[in-house]
Amino acid sequence: HFNLEVFDGKKYHNLNIHDILFIKADHVYVNIFLMDGQQLNTRKSLKQLAEILEGTHMIQCHRSYLVNRNQIKSWNADSMKLSNGKIIPISRGKKYILDQIN
């Protein structure tokens, strides 16, 4: 299993990446949404996290989002729906990731 260490400004969290639902960039912060509904904020950039998570089941479908490929329940050319019902956009330049979903 691959773990991701993040600092939320108060303490470090060692996250199993299988527990991550999706990650969203939000100005200077990145919000990490977990399966259990918990949300962590960190100052790492989405680009940094994308590089760290390359080769895992996390895929970048939009400049502001990384998603857990295993939690995608349905999709079309413009968006995907995750297991918690959250709709995530797919940018035009990232349409190729639709081939990575299955």
N, C-alpha and C. Protein backbone atom coordinates (compact mmCIF):
# COMPACT_ATOMS: atom_id res chain seq x y z
N HIS A 1 0.84 -1.21 0.00
CA HIS A 1 0.00 0.00 0.00
C HIS A 1 0.87 1.25 0.00
N PHE A 2 0.41 2.25 -0.65
CA PHE A 2 1.13 3.51 -0.77
C PHE A 2 0.51 4.52 0.19
N ASN A 3 1.34 5.16 0.99
CA ASN A 3 0.85 6.17 1.93
C ASN A 3 1.30 7.55 1.49
N LEU A 4 0.49 8.53 1.82
CA LEU A 4 0.77 9.93 1.52
C LEU A 4 0.85 10.68 2.84
N GLU A 5 1.95 11.36 3.07
CA GLU A 5 2.10 12.15 4.29
C GLU A 5 1.74 13.60 3.98
N VAL A 6 0.80 14.16 4.75
CA VAL A 6 0.42 15.56 4.56
C VAL A 6 0.40 16.27 5.90
N PHE A 7 0.72 17.54 5.87
CA PHE A 7 0.71 18.39 7.05
C PHE A 7 -0.43 19.38 6.90
N ASP A 8 -1.32 19.43 7.88
CA ASP A 8 -2.50 20.31 7.79
C ASP A 8 -2.31 21.65 8.50
N GLY A 9 -1.06 21.96 8.89
CA GLY A 9 -0.79 23.20 9.60
C GLY A 9 -0.67 22.99 11.10
N LYS A 10 -1.19 21.87 11.59
CA LYS A 10 -1.13 21.54 13.01
C LYS A 10 -0.41 20.22 13.25
N LYS A 11 -0.74 19.22 12.43
CA LYS A 11 -0.11 17.91 12.61
C LYS A 11 0.03 17.19 11.28
N TYR A 12 0.88 16.17 11.29
CA TYR A 12 1.09 15.34 10.10
C TYR A 12 0.09 14.20 10.09
N HIS A 13 -0.36 13.86 8.90
CA HIS A 13 -1.28 12.74 8.70
C HIS A 13 -0.64 11.78 7.71
N ASN A 14 -0.64 10.51 8.04
CA ASN A 14 -0.13 9.48 7.13
C ASN A 14 -1.34 8.77 6.54
N LEU A 15 -1.69 9.11 5.30
CA LEU A 15 -2.91 8.62 4.68
C LEU A 15 -2.64 7.45 3.74
N ASN A 16 -3.45 6.42 3.85
CA ASN A 16 -3.44 5.35 2.87
C ASN A 16 -4.16 5.92 1.65
N ILE A 17 -3.55 5.87 0.49
CA ILE A 17 -4.18 6.53 -0.67
C ILE A 17 -5.49 5.87 -1.05
N HIS A 18 -5.72 4.64 -0.64
CA HIS A 18 -7.00 3.99 -0.93
C HIS A 18 -8.14 4.64 -0.15
N ASP A 19 -7.81 5.41 0.89
CA ASP A 19 -8.81 6.11 1.69
C ASP A 19 -9.16 7.47 1.13
N ILE A 20 -8.45 7.91 0.07
CA ILE A 20 -8.70 9.21 -0.54
C ILE A 20 -9.76 9.08 -1.62
N LEU A 21 -10.80 9.90 -1.53
CA LEU A 21 -11.86 9.92 -2.54
C LEU A 21 -11.44 10.81 -3.70
N PHE A 22 -11.10 12.08 -3.37
CA PHE A 22 -10.58 12.99 -4.39
C PHE A 22 -9.81 14.12 -3.71
N ILE A 23 -9.05 14.84 -4.51
CA ILE A 23 -8.24 15.97 -4.04
C ILE A 23 -8.59 17.15 -4.93
N LYS A 24 -8.83 18.31 -4.28
CA LYS A 24 -9.21 19.50 -5.03
C LYS A 24 -8.28 20.67 -4.68
N ALA A 25 -7.78 21.35 -5.70
CA ALA A 25 -6.98 22.56 -5.49
C ALA A 25 -7.91 23.71 -5.13
N ASP A 26 -7.50 24.51 -4.16
CA ASP A 26 -8.30 25.64 -3.70
C ASP A 26 -7.36 26.78 -3.33
N HIS A 27 -7.03 27.62 -4.32
CA HIS A 27 -6.08 28.73 -4.15
C HIS A 27 -4.73 28.19 -3.69
N VAL A 28 -4.23 28.61 -2.52
CA VAL A 28 -2.91 28.14 -2.06
C VAL A 28 -3.00 26.83 -1.30
N TYR A 29 -4.19 26.34 -1.08
CA TYR A 29 -4.38 25.08 -0.37
C TYR A 29 -4.84 23.98 -1.31
N VAL A 30 -4.70 22.76 -0.83
CA VAL A 30 -5.27 21.60 -1.50
C VAL A 30 -6.15 20.91 -0.46
N ASN A 31 -7.38 20.62 -0.84
CA ASN A 31 -8.32 19.92 0.05
C ASN A 31 -8.32 18.44 -0.33
N ILE A 32 -8.10 17.60 0.67
CA ILE A 32 -8.10 16.15 0.46
C ILE A 32 -9.36 15.60 1.11
N PHE A 33 -10.22 15.00 0.29
CA PHE A 33 -11.49 14.45 0.77
C PHE A 33 -11.34 12.94 0.93
N LEU A 34 -11.61 12.46 2.13
CA LEU A 34 -11.44 11.04 2.44
C LEU A 34 -12.76 10.28 2.38
N MET A 35 -12.67 8.97 2.26
CA MET A 35 -13.86 8.11 2.17
C MET A 35 -14.79 8.27 3.36
N ASP A 36 -14.23 8.50 4.54
CA ASP A 36 -15.04 8.58 5.76
C ASP A 36 -15.70 9.95 5.94
N GLY A 37 -15.57 10.84 4.93
CA GLY A 37 -16.18 12.16 5.00
C GLY A 37 -15.26 13.23 5.57
N GLN A 38 -14.13 12.82 6.11
CA GLN A 38 -13.16 13.76 6.66
C GLN A 38 -12.51 14.55 5.52
N GLN A 39 -12.12 15.79 5.83
CA GLN A 39 -11.45 16.64 4.85
C GLN A 39 -10.21 17.23 5.50
N LEU A 40 -9.08 17.14 4.81
CA LEU A 40 -7.82 17.72 5.28
C LEU A 40 -7.38 18.79 4.31
N ASN A 41 -6.78 19.85 4.83
CA ASN A 41 -6.24 20.92 3.99
C ASN A 41 -4.74 20.96 4.17
N THR A 42 -4.03 21.13 3.07
CA THR A 42 -2.57 21.22 3.14
C THR A 42 -2.08 22.27 2.16
N ARG A 43 -0.86 22.75 2.37
CA ARG A 43 -0.29 23.76 1.49
C ARG A 43 0.50 23.17 0.33
N LYS A 44 0.53 21.87 0.20
CA LYS A 44 1.18 21.28 -0.98
C LYS A 44 0.37 21.68 -2.22
N SER A 45 1.03 21.79 -3.34
CA SER A 45 0.29 22.12 -4.57
C SER A 45 -0.28 20.84 -5.18
N LEU A 46 -1.30 21.00 -6.00
CA LEU A 46 -1.87 19.84 -6.68
C LEU A 46 -0.83 19.20 -7.59
N LYS A 47 0.02 20.02 -8.18
CA LYS A 47 1.07 19.51 -9.05
C LYS A 47 2.03 18.61 -8.26
N GLN A 48 2.41 19.06 -7.05
CA GLN A 48 3.28 18.24 -6.20
C GLN A 48 2.62 16.91 -5.87
N LEU A 49 1.35 16.96 -5.48
CA LEU A 49 0.64 15.73 -5.14
C LEU A 49 0.49 14.82 -6.36
N ALA A 50 0.21 15.40 -7.52
CA ALA A 50 0.09 14.60 -8.75
C ALA A 50 1.40 13.87 -9.04
N GLU A 51 2.52 14.54 -8.82
CA GLU A 51 3.83 13.91 -9.06
C GLU A 51 4.07 12.79 -8.06
N ILE A 52 3.75 13.03 -6.78
CA ILE A 52 3.93 12.01 -5.74
C ILE A 52 3.04 10.79 -6.02
N LEU A 53 1.82 11.04 -6.48
CA LEU A 53 0.84 9.97 -6.67
C LEU A 53 0.86 9.35 -8.06
N GLU A 54 1.79 9.78 -8.91
CA GLU A 54 1.88 9.23 -10.26
C GLU A 54 2.12 7.72 -10.18
N GLY A 55 1.41 6.97 -11.01
CA GLY A 55 1.56 5.52 -11.01
C GLY A 55 0.64 4.82 -10.02
N THR A 56 -0.17 5.59 -9.28
CA THR A 56 -1.14 5.01 -8.36
C THR A 56 -2.52 5.05 -9.03
N HIS A 57 -3.56 4.74 -8.29
CA HIS A 57 -4.91 4.78 -8.85
C HIS A 57 -5.53 6.18 -8.83
N MET A 58 -4.74 7.20 -8.46
CA MET A 58 -5.21 8.59 -8.49
C MET A 58 -4.93 9.15 -9.89
N ILE A 59 -5.96 9.74 -10.51
CA ILE A 59 -5.80 10.30 -11.85
C ILE A 59 -6.24 11.76 -11.86
N GLN A 60 -5.58 12.56 -12.70
CA GLN A 60 -5.92 13.97 -12.81
C GLN A 60 -6.84 14.16 -14.01
N CYS A 61 -8.08 14.56 -13.72
CA CYS A 61 -9.09 14.71 -14.77
C CYS A 61 -9.34 16.18 -15.11
N HIS A 62 -8.72 17.07 -14.34
CA HIS A 62 -8.97 18.50 -14.46
C HIS A 62 -7.80 19.20 -13.77
N ARG A 63 -7.52 20.43 -14.13
CA ARG A 63 -6.38 21.10 -13.50
C ARG A 63 -6.55 21.28 -12.00
N SER A 64 -7.78 21.21 -11.51
CA SER A 64 -8.04 21.39 -10.08
C SER A 64 -8.36 20.11 -9.33
N TYR A 65 -8.37 18.95 -10.00
CA TYR A 65 -8.82 17.72 -9.35
C TYR A 65 -7.93 16.51 -9.63
N LEU A 66 -7.70 15.73 -8.59
CA LEU A 66 -7.18 14.37 -8.69
C LEU A 66 -8.27 13.48 -8.11
N VAL A 67 -8.59 12.38 -8.76
CA VAL A 67 -9.64 11.51 -8.26
C VAL A 67 -9.14 10.07 -8.13
N ASN A 68 -9.76 9.36 -7.20
CA ASN A 68 -9.48 7.95 -7.00
C ASN A 68 -10.24 7.18 -8.09
N ARG A 69 -9.52 6.62 -9.02
CA ARG A 69 -10.10 5.91 -10.16
C ARG A 69 -11.07 4.81 -9.70
N ASN A 70 -10.80 4.20 -8.55
CA ASN A 70 -11.64 3.11 -8.04
C ASN A 70 -12.98 3.59 -7.50
N GLN A 71 -13.15 4.90 -7.33
CA GLN A 71 -14.39 5.45 -6.77
C GLN A 71 -15.28 6.10 -7.82
N ILE A 72 -14.90 5.99 -9.10
CA ILE A 72 -15.71 6.55 -10.17
C ILE A 72 -16.83 5.58 -10.49
N LYS A 73 -18.07 6.03 -10.36
CA LYS A 73 -19.22 5.17 -10.59
C LYS A 73 -19.82 5.34 -11.98
N SER A 74 -19.76 6.53 -12.53
CA SER A 74 -20.25 6.77 -13.89
C SER A 74 -19.55 7.99 -14.45
N TRP A 75 -19.59 8.13 -15.78
CA TRP A 75 -18.93 9.28 -16.42
C TRP A 75 -19.50 9.49 -17.81
N ASN A 76 -19.26 10.70 -18.30
CA ASN A 76 -19.53 11.02 -19.70
C ASN A 76 -18.36 11.87 -20.17
N ALA A 77 -18.48 12.54 -21.29
CA ALA A 77 -17.36 13.30 -21.85
C ALA A 77 -16.99 14.52 -21.01
N ASP A 78 -17.90 15.02 -20.18
CA ASP A 78 -17.67 16.27 -19.45
C ASP A 78 -17.46 16.12 -17.96
N SER A 79 -17.92 15.01 -17.36
CA SER A 79 -17.83 14.89 -15.90
C SER A 79 -17.88 13.43 -15.47
N MET A 80 -17.56 13.21 -14.21
CA MET A 80 -17.65 11.88 -13.62
C MET A 80 -18.36 11.97 -12.28
N LYS A 81 -19.04 10.90 -11.92
CA LYS A 81 -19.74 10.85 -10.64
C LYS A 81 -19.02 9.85 -9.75
N LEU A 82 -18.67 10.30 -8.53
CA LEU A 82 -17.96 9.44 -7.59
C LEU A 82 -18.94 8.67 -6.72
N SER A 83 -18.42 7.73 -5.95
CA SER A 83 -19.25 6.86 -5.12
C SER A 83 -20.07 7.62 -4.08
N ASN A 84 -19.62 8.82 -3.70
CA ASN A 84 -20.37 9.62 -2.72
C ASN A 84 -21.38 10.57 -3.39
N GLY A 85 -21.49 10.49 -4.73
CA GLY A 85 -22.43 11.34 -5.47
C GLY A 85 -21.83 12.63 -5.98
N LYS A 86 -20.60 12.95 -5.60
CA LYS A 86 -19.94 14.18 -6.03
C LYS A 86 -19.66 14.12 -7.53
N ILE A 87 -20.00 15.21 -8.23
CA ILE A 87 -19.74 15.33 -9.66
C ILE A 87 -18.43 16.10 -9.84
N ILE A 88 -17.51 15.52 -10.59
CA ILE A 88 -16.19 16.11 -10.83
C ILE A 88 -16.08 16.42 -12.32
N PRO A 89 -15.65 17.64 -12.69
CA PRO A 89 -15.52 17.97 -14.12
C PRO A 89 -14.32 17.27 -14.76
N ILE A 90 -14.43 17.04 -16.06
CA ILE A 90 -13.32 16.54 -16.86
C ILE A 90 -13.00 17.63 -17.86
N SER A 91 -11.77 18.12 -17.84
CA SER A 91 -11.41 19.20 -18.77
C SER A 91 -11.17 18.64 -20.17
N ARG A 92 -11.31 19.50 -21.17
CA ARG A 92 -11.13 19.09 -22.57
C ARG A 92 -9.77 18.44 -22.78
N GLY A 93 -8.74 19.02 -22.18
CA GLY A 93 -7.39 18.51 -22.37
C GLY A 93 -7.11 17.21 -21.64
N LYS A 94 -8.02 16.77 -20.80
CA LYS A 94 -7.82 15.54 -20.03
C LYS A 94 -8.75 14.42 -20.46
N LYS A 95 -9.42 14.56 -21.60
CA LYS A 95 -10.37 13.54 -22.06
C LYS A 95 -9.71 12.17 -22.19
N TYR A 96 -8.41 12.14 -22.47
CA TYR A 96 -7.70 10.86 -22.63
C TYR A 96 -7.76 10.01 -21.37
N ILE A 97 -7.99 10.62 -20.21
CA ILE A 97 -8.01 9.83 -18.97
C ILE A 97 -9.24 8.92 -18.92
N LEU A 98 -10.24 9.19 -19.76
CA LEU A 98 -11.40 8.30 -19.80
C LEU A 98 -10.98 6.88 -20.16
N ASP A 99 -9.89 6.75 -20.92
CA ASP A 99 -9.37 5.43 -21.28
C ASP A 99 -8.75 4.72 -20.08
N GLN A 100 -8.37 5.48 -19.04
CA GLN A 100 -7.73 4.90 -17.86
C GLN A 100 -8.74 4.48 -16.79
N ILE A 101 -10.00 4.81 -16.97
CA ILE A 101 -10.99 4.54 -15.94
C ILE A 101 -11.25 3.04 -15.81
N ASN A 102 -11.39 2.34 -16.89
CA ASN A 102 -11.66 0.91 -16.83
C ASN A 102 -10.40 0.10 -16.64
